[in-house]
Amino acid sequence: MVSMRVRDRESIQEAVRRFRKLVERSGLKREMRRRQFYEKPSEINRRARLRAERRALSARRTFNDR
């Protein structure tokens, strides 16, 4: 959970800006977007596998370029 104290004589705009940065840094926004729709475990595993394959392919490319 993200919490923030509003400073003395701080404008609403400044407080909202600070709050947005705090939420962004905490990863809360990304987590909410990820949980917005249900995703089957097989889809999660498939995406993870594809991400690993791309990572391995790019690592192989950079290794071969040397």
N, C-alpha and C. Protein backbone atom coordinates (compact mmCIF):
# COMPACT_ATOMS: atom_id res chain seq x y z
N MET A 1 0.84 -1.18 0.00
CA MET A 1 0.00 0.00 0.00
C MET A 1 0.88 1.24 0.00
N VAL A 2 0.49 2.23 -0.76
CA VAL A 2 1.25 3.46 -0.88
C VAL A 2 0.61 4.51 0.02
N SER A 3 1.43 5.17 0.83
CA SER A 3 0.90 6.25 1.67
C SER A 3 1.83 7.45 1.55
N MET A 4 1.27 8.63 1.74
CA MET A 4 2.03 9.85 1.56
C MET A 4 1.43 10.93 2.44
N ARG A 5 2.26 11.74 3.01
CA ARG A 5 1.78 12.88 3.81
C ARG A 5 1.91 14.15 2.98
N VAL A 6 0.88 14.95 3.01
CA VAL A 6 0.91 16.23 2.30
C VAL A 6 1.66 17.22 3.18
N ARG A 7 2.62 17.89 2.59
CA ARG A 7 3.45 18.85 3.34
C ARG A 7 2.68 20.14 3.59
N ASP A 8 3.15 20.90 4.57
CA ASP A 8 2.55 22.21 4.84
C ASP A 8 2.76 23.12 3.65
N ARG A 9 1.73 23.85 3.30
CA ARG A 9 1.76 24.82 2.20
C ARG A 9 2.12 24.19 0.86
N GLU A 10 1.81 22.92 0.69
CA GLU A 10 2.05 22.25 -0.59
C GLU A 10 0.77 22.31 -1.41
N SER A 11 0.88 22.73 -2.65
CA SER A 11 -0.31 22.83 -3.49
C SER A 11 -0.82 21.44 -3.85
N ILE A 12 -2.07 21.39 -4.24
CA ILE A 12 -2.69 20.12 -4.63
C ILE A 12 -1.95 19.52 -5.83
N GLN A 13 -1.59 20.37 -6.79
CA GLN A 13 -0.90 19.88 -7.98
C GLN A 13 0.43 19.21 -7.63
N GLU A 14 1.18 19.82 -6.72
CA GLU A 14 2.46 19.24 -6.32
C GLU A 14 2.26 17.91 -5.59
N ALA A 15 1.24 17.86 -4.73
CA ALA A 15 0.96 16.63 -4.00
C ALA A 15 0.55 15.51 -4.95
N VAL A 16 -0.28 15.83 -5.93
CA VAL A 16 -0.71 14.82 -6.90
C VAL A 16 0.47 14.35 -7.72
N ARG A 17 1.35 15.25 -8.11
CA ARG A 17 2.54 14.89 -8.88
C ARG A 17 3.43 13.94 -8.08
N ARG A 18 3.64 14.27 -6.79
CA ARG A 18 4.45 13.40 -5.93
C ARG A 18 3.80 12.03 -5.77
N PHE A 19 2.47 12.03 -5.62
CA PHE A 19 1.74 10.77 -5.45
C PHE A 19 1.87 9.90 -6.70
N ARG A 20 1.75 10.49 -7.87
CA ARG A 20 1.89 9.73 -9.11
C ARG A 20 3.26 9.09 -9.21
N LYS A 21 4.31 9.84 -8.87
CA LYS A 21 5.66 9.31 -8.93
C LYS A 21 5.82 8.16 -7.94
N LEU A 22 5.23 8.31 -6.76
CA LEU A 22 5.31 7.28 -5.73
C LEU A 22 4.63 5.99 -6.20
N VAL A 23 3.46 6.12 -6.81
CA VAL A 23 2.72 4.97 -7.31
C VAL A 23 3.50 4.31 -8.44
N GLU A 24 4.08 5.10 -9.32
CA GLU A 24 4.85 4.57 -10.45
C GLU A 24 6.07 3.79 -9.95
N ARG A 25 6.78 4.35 -8.98
CA ARG A 25 7.98 3.69 -8.46
C ARG A 25 7.65 2.41 -7.72
N SER A 26 6.49 2.36 -7.07
CA SER A 26 6.13 1.18 -6.28
C SER A 26 5.71 0.01 -7.17
N GLY A 27 5.39 0.27 -8.44
CA GLY A 27 4.96 -0.79 -9.34
C GLY A 27 3.48 -1.12 -9.21
N LEU A 28 2.75 -0.32 -8.46
CA LEU A 28 1.34 -0.57 -8.23
C LEU A 28 0.53 -0.44 -9.51
N LYS A 29 0.87 0.54 -10.33
CA LYS A 29 0.14 0.76 -11.58
C LYS A 29 0.30 -0.43 -12.53
N ARG A 30 1.52 -0.93 -12.64
CA ARG A 30 1.79 -2.08 -13.51
C ARG A 30 1.06 -3.31 -13.00
N GLU A 31 1.05 -3.49 -11.67
CA GLU A 31 0.36 -4.64 -11.08
C GLU A 31 -1.14 -4.57 -11.33
N MET A 32 -1.72 -3.39 -11.21
CA MET A 32 -3.16 -3.23 -11.46
C MET A 32 -3.49 -3.53 -12.91
N ARG A 33 -2.66 -3.06 -13.82
CA ARG A 33 -2.89 -3.31 -15.23
C ARG A 33 -2.78 -4.80 -15.54
N ARG A 34 -1.83 -5.47 -14.88
CA ARG A 34 -1.64 -6.89 -15.11
C ARG A 34 -2.83 -7.69 -14.58
N ARG A 35 -3.44 -7.28 -13.49
CA ARG A 35 -4.55 -8.01 -12.88
C ARG A 35 -5.92 -7.57 -13.40
N GLN A 36 -5.93 -6.66 -14.34
CA GLN A 36 -7.20 -6.14 -14.85
C GLN A 36 -8.04 -7.26 -15.47
N PHE A 37 -7.41 -8.18 -16.17
CA PHE A 37 -8.11 -9.29 -16.80
C PHE A 37 -7.47 -10.59 -16.32
N TYR A 38 -8.30 -11.62 -16.19
CA TYR A 38 -7.78 -12.92 -15.79
C TYR A 38 -6.94 -13.51 -16.92
N GLU A 39 -5.83 -14.08 -16.54
CA GLU A 39 -4.96 -14.72 -17.51
C GLU A 39 -4.71 -16.16 -17.06
N LYS A 40 -4.93 -17.09 -17.96
CA LYS A 40 -4.76 -18.50 -17.63
C LYS A 40 -3.29 -18.77 -17.30
N PRO A 41 -3.03 -19.71 -16.37
CA PRO A 41 -1.65 -20.05 -16.03
C PRO A 41 -0.85 -20.50 -17.24
N SER A 42 -1.49 -21.18 -18.19
CA SER A 42 -0.76 -21.62 -19.38
C SER A 42 -0.29 -20.42 -20.20
N GLU A 43 -1.10 -19.36 -20.25
CA GLU A 43 -0.70 -18.15 -20.97
C GLU A 43 0.47 -17.45 -20.27
N ILE A 44 0.44 -17.44 -18.95
CA ILE A 44 1.54 -16.83 -18.18
C ILE A 44 2.83 -17.59 -18.47
N ASN A 45 2.74 -18.94 -18.43
CA ASN A 45 3.93 -19.76 -18.69
C ASN A 45 4.43 -19.57 -20.12
N ARG A 46 3.52 -19.47 -21.06
CA ARG A 46 3.88 -19.30 -22.47
C ARG A 46 4.62 -17.97 -22.67
N ARG A 47 4.09 -16.91 -22.07
CA ARG A 47 4.75 -15.60 -22.20
C ARG A 47 6.13 -15.63 -21.57
N ALA A 48 6.27 -16.27 -20.41
CA ALA A 48 7.57 -16.37 -19.74
C ALA A 48 8.56 -17.14 -20.61
N ARG A 49 8.09 -18.23 -21.23
CA ARG A 49 8.96 -19.04 -22.09
C ARG A 49 9.42 -18.23 -23.30
N LEU A 50 8.50 -17.51 -23.93
CA LEU A 50 8.86 -16.69 -25.09
C LEU A 50 9.84 -15.59 -24.71
N ARG A 51 9.63 -14.99 -23.53
CA ARG A 51 10.55 -13.95 -23.07
C ARG A 51 11.95 -14.53 -22.87
N ALA A 52 12.03 -15.73 -22.29
CA ALA A 52 13.33 -16.38 -22.07
C ALA A 52 13.99 -16.72 -23.40
N GLU A 53 13.21 -17.18 -24.36
CA GLU A 53 13.77 -17.51 -25.67
C GLU A 53 14.34 -16.26 -26.35
N ARG A 54 13.61 -15.16 -26.28
CA ARG A 54 14.11 -13.91 -26.88
C ARG A 54 15.38 -13.44 -26.19
N ARG A 55 15.41 -13.57 -24.86
CA ARG A 55 16.59 -13.17 -24.10
C ARG A 55 17.79 -14.02 -24.51
N ALA A 56 17.58 -15.32 -24.64
CA ALA A 56 18.67 -16.23 -25.03
C ALA A 56 19.15 -15.92 -26.45
N LEU A 57 18.21 -15.64 -27.34
CA LEU A 57 18.57 -15.33 -28.73
C LEU A 57 19.39 -14.05 -28.80
N SER A 58 19.00 -13.03 -28.07
CA SER A 58 19.75 -11.77 -28.10
C SER A 58 21.12 -11.96 -27.46
N ALA A 59 21.21 -12.80 -26.43
CA ALA A 59 22.50 -13.06 -25.80
C ALA A 59 23.42 -13.79 -26.78
N ARG A 60 22.85 -14.75 -27.53
CA ARG A 60 23.64 -15.47 -28.53
C ARG A 60 24.13 -14.53 -29.61
N ARG A 61 23.26 -13.60 -30.02
CA ARG A 61 23.66 -12.64 -31.07
C ARG A 61 24.81 -11.77 -30.62
N THR A 62 24.72 -11.23 -29.41
CA THR A 62 25.78 -10.35 -28.93
C THR A 62 27.07 -11.13 -28.73
N PHE A 63 26.96 -12.40 -28.32
CA PHE A 63 28.15 -13.24 -28.14
C PHE A 63 28.82 -13.52 -29.48
N ASN A 64 28.02 -13.78 -30.53
CA ASN A 64 28.57 -14.09 -31.84
C ASN A 64 29.15 -12.86 -32.53
N ASP A 65 28.69 -11.67 -32.17
CA ASP A 65 29.18 -10.45 -32.80
C ASP A 65 30.59 -10.10 -32.35
N ARG A 66 31.03 -10.66 -31.27
CA ARG A 66 32.36 -10.29 -30.74
C ARG A 66 33.47 -10.89 -31.52
